[in-house]
Every structure is written in structure tokens, then in C-alpha cells.
Amino acid sequence: MDVLEVLRTEFAKDDEVDYARLADQLGSSAVRALEELVGAEDPRIASQAVYLAGLIDGSGSFEVVAAGAASRHAIVRVSAAFALPRLPAGPASKLAIRLLSDPDAGVRGRAVRFAAPSRDPLLVRKAQEIAERDEEQWLRELAARLLDTNGGPPG
């Protein structure tokens, strides 16, 4: 069975996918197949592919997550936001800036969980903007709480 078939089989299961096992087992050899799955029309499978890519260290995994961050499906963008803490800091920050401005509140919420405790002043400022002006009250409250927990915005 090739990598793409293995991934499709795993992602089609009704029970919980063991992402850590798949990441360890397949490693960077799965990146090409994950790219293909992110580009597919099934947002559930694409979101799983993005999440798994975030667990894989190595060449190409960032590009899979970045493709997920640009998806037209919010569930896929949420998976990209979940992957942010496992990506290299510089590229993760660039993706986070985009996701913090996402039209979907769930995506912004997941991204603010990455941004608020960040040491990146731009990310912290974007989290502060959400705390002050986001249209969703729950998200304003979440951002404010996260910023408060982490010492607030830079002075």
C-alpha cells in the first residue's frame, strides 16, 4: 500500500486517528501525499492532512500547513492554526498574521491562542486588536484573558 492509500484508509476510519503514530511511521515521506489531500475537495480529509503535516518535522510540511491556511474551508484553516505551535517560529508567525484576520471566528480564536503568549510584538499587537475590537464577544474575552495571563501587550 502506498502512502496516499495508507492516509486515505486512516482518515476514513470512524474512530480516532493516531496522528502521532502516523507522523512517526510515515515522516516526511508523507508530505507529497498530504499536499494532494489538502488540495482535494473533502474538507474533513484536508483538515486531517494539514493537522498531520503539522506534526511532521522536515522538508515540505510547512507548505502543506500553509496551503491549509489558504483553504476556502474554515475547518481546514482551523487545522492550520492548530499546527502553528509546531512550526518554525518565523514561518508560523507569518501564517498566524493571516489567520488572525480570518473571516471565521473559530480560526481567529485558534490563532489568538498562538499569538497572545508569543514573544513576537506584532502577534501580540494583533491579539490586542482582537481583544479590543473583534466583532465576537467570546473572542474578545478570550484574547483579553490570554493576554492578561501572559503579561499583557508590550508596552
Protein backbone atom coordinates (compact mmCIF):
# COMPACT_ATOMS: atom_id res chain seq x y z
CA MET A 1 0.00 0.00 0.00
CA ASP A 2 1.45 3.40 -0.94
CA VAL A 3 1.49 6.40 1.43
CA LEU A 4 -1.56 8.04 -0.14
CA GLU A 5 -3.58 4.84 0.31
CA VAL A 6 -2.41 4.50 3.92
CA LEU A 7 -3.51 8.07 4.65
CA ARG A 8 -6.87 7.69 2.94
CA THR A 9 -7.50 4.48 4.88
CA GLU A 10 -6.54 6.07 8.20
CA PHE A 11 -8.56 9.23 7.57
CA ALA A 12 -11.64 7.22 6.54
CA LYS A 13 -11.84 5.45 9.91
CA ASP A 14 -14.73 6.27 12.20
CA ASP A 15 -12.57 6.11 15.31
CA GLU A 16 -9.80 8.47 16.41
CA VAL A 17 -6.82 8.81 14.07
CA ASP A 18 -3.49 8.21 15.80
CA TYR A 19 -1.73 11.24 14.33
CA ALA A 20 1.44 10.85 16.40
CA ARG A 21 1.87 7.26 15.23
CA LEU A 22 1.29 8.23 11.60
CA ALA A 23 3.77 11.11 11.85
CA ASP A 24 6.41 8.80 13.35
CA GLN A 25 5.68 5.97 10.93
CA LEU A 26 5.49 7.98 7.71
CA GLY A 27 7.57 11.07 8.48
CA SER A 28 8.45 13.37 5.63
CA SER A 29 7.70 10.61 3.10
CA ALA A 30 4.03 11.55 3.59
CA VAL A 31 4.38 15.20 2.58
CA ARG A 32 3.63 14.74 -1.13
CA ALA A 33 0.51 12.68 -0.34
CA LEU A 34 -0.58 15.22 2.28
CA GLU A 35 -0.26 18.01 -0.29
CA GLU A 36 -2.55 16.08 -2.58
CA LEU A 37 -5.11 15.51 0.17
CA VAL A 38 -5.12 19.19 1.18
CA GLY A 39 -5.94 20.08 -2.40
CA ALA A 40 -8.83 17.60 -2.53
CA GLU A 41 -12.42 18.73 -2.23
CA ASP A 42 -13.18 16.87 1.02
CA PRO A 43 -12.61 19.43 3.81
CA ARG A 44 -12.63 16.76 6.53
CA ILE A 45 -9.76 14.86 4.91
CA ALA A 46 -7.94 18.09 4.03
CA SER A 47 -8.12 19.23 7.66
CA GLN A 48 -6.71 15.90 8.82
CA ALA A 49 -3.89 16.17 6.30
CA VAL A 50 -2.99 19.67 7.50
CA TYR A 51 -3.00 18.59 11.13
CA LEU A 52 -0.76 15.61 10.39
CA ALA A 53 1.61 17.78 8.36
CA GLY A 54 1.99 20.00 11.42
CA LEU A 55 3.31 17.01 13.36
CA ILE A 56 5.93 16.09 10.78
CA ASP A 57 9.37 17.62 11.05
CA GLY A 58 11.04 18.06 7.76
CA SER A 59 11.01 19.48 4.33
CA GLY A 60 7.67 20.34 2.86
CA SER A 61 5.45 20.04 5.92
CA PHE A 62 5.23 23.83 6.34
CA GLU A 63 4.00 24.18 2.76
CA VAL A 64 1.18 21.74 3.47
CA VAL A 65 0.10 23.75 6.52
CA ALA A 66 0.38 27.00 4.52
CA ALA A 67 -1.86 25.51 1.82
CA GLY A 68 -4.36 24.63 4.54
CA ALA A 69 -4.24 28.19 5.88
CA ALA A 70 -5.31 29.38 2.41
CA SER A 71 -8.17 26.88 2.08
CA ARG A 72 -11.68 28.10 1.36
CA HIS A 73 -12.92 25.75 4.12
CA ALA A 74 -12.81 27.09 7.68
CA ILE A 75 -12.26 23.61 9.16
CA VAL A 76 -9.03 23.31 7.17
CA ARG A 77 -7.86 26.77 8.26
CA VAL A 78 -8.58 25.84 11.89
CA SER A 79 -6.32 22.80 11.47
CA ALA A 80 -3.61 25.09 10.12
CA ALA A 81 -4.00 27.30 13.19
CA PHE A 82 -3.71 24.23 15.44
CA ALA A 83 -0.40 23.42 13.72
CA LEU A 84 1.16 26.85 14.40
CA PRO A 85 2.94 25.93 17.68
CA ARG A 86 4.73 23.03 15.99
CA LEU A 87 6.09 25.06 13.08
CA PRO A 88 9.35 27.04 12.97
CA ALA A 89 8.78 30.42 14.65
CA GLY A 90 9.32 32.72 11.65
CA PRO A 91 7.03 30.93 9.19
CA ALA A 92 4.48 30.25 11.94
CA SER A 93 4.29 33.95 12.76
CA LYS A 94 3.63 34.84 9.12
CA LEU A 95 0.80 32.31 8.91
CA ALA A 96 -0.58 33.47 12.25
CA ILE A 97 -0.85 37.06 11.00
CA ARG A 98 -3.04 35.84 8.13
CA LEU A 99 -5.14 33.58 10.36
CA LEU A 100 -5.69 36.32 12.96
CA SER A 101 -7.52 38.27 10.23
CA ASP A 102 -9.55 35.30 9.01
CA PRO A 103 -13.27 35.90 8.39
CA ASP A 104 -14.13 32.86 10.56
CA ALA A 105 -14.14 33.48 14.33
CA GLY A 106 -13.10 29.91 15.08
CA VAL A 107 -9.96 30.31 13.00
CA ARG A 108 -9.17 33.65 14.68
CA GLY A 109 -9.78 32.03 18.07
CA ARG A 110 -7.33 29.23 17.46
CA ALA A 111 -4.75 31.67 16.03
CA VAL A 112 -5.07 34.03 19.02
CA ARG A 113 -4.18 31.12 21.32
CA PHE A 114 -0.85 31.01 19.48
CA ALA A 115 -0.37 34.78 19.19
CA ALA A 116 -1.20 36.04 22.69
CA PRO A 117 1.57 34.15 24.53
CA SER A 118 4.02 34.81 21.71
CA ARG A 119 7.13 36.90 22.17
CA ASP A 120 6.55 38.38 18.72
CA PRO A 121 5.39 42.00 19.26
CA LEU A 122 3.39 42.04 16.02
CA LEU A 123 1.45 38.92 17.00
CA VAL A 124 0.79 40.26 20.48
CA ARG A 125 -0.47 43.55 18.98
CA LYS A 126 -2.79 41.63 16.65
CA ALA A 127 -4.10 39.68 19.67
CA GLN A 128 -4.63 43.02 21.46
CA GLU A 129 -6.62 44.30 18.47
CA ILE A 130 -8.83 41.23 18.68
CA ALA A 131 -9.29 41.77 22.42
CA GLU A 132 -10.37 45.35 21.80
CA ARG A 133 -12.30 45.24 18.53
CA ASP A 134 -13.30 41.79 17.34
CA GLU A 135 -16.98 41.50 16.42
CA GLU A 136 -17.33 38.34 18.52
CA GLN A 137 -17.60 38.98 22.25
CA TRP A 138 -16.38 35.49 23.21
CA LEU A 139 -13.28 36.05 21.10
CA ARG A 140 -12.61 39.49 22.59
CA GLU A 141 -12.88 37.93 26.06
CA LEU A 142 -10.62 35.00 25.12
CA ALA A 143 -7.94 37.29 23.69
CA ALA A 144 -8.08 39.59 26.73
CA ARG A 145 -7.82 36.63 29.11
CA LEU A 146 -4.87 35.15 27.20
CA LEU A 147 -3.08 38.48 27.10
CA ASP A 148 -3.70 39.03 30.82
CA THR A 149 -2.39 35.56 31.64
CA ASN A 150 0.75 36.22 29.63
CA GLY A 151 1.55 39.66 30.99
CA GLY A 152 -0.47 41.77 28.59
CA PRO A 153 0.53 43.56 25.44
CA PRO A 154 4.02 45.00 25.01
CA GLY A 155 4.38 48.49 26.43
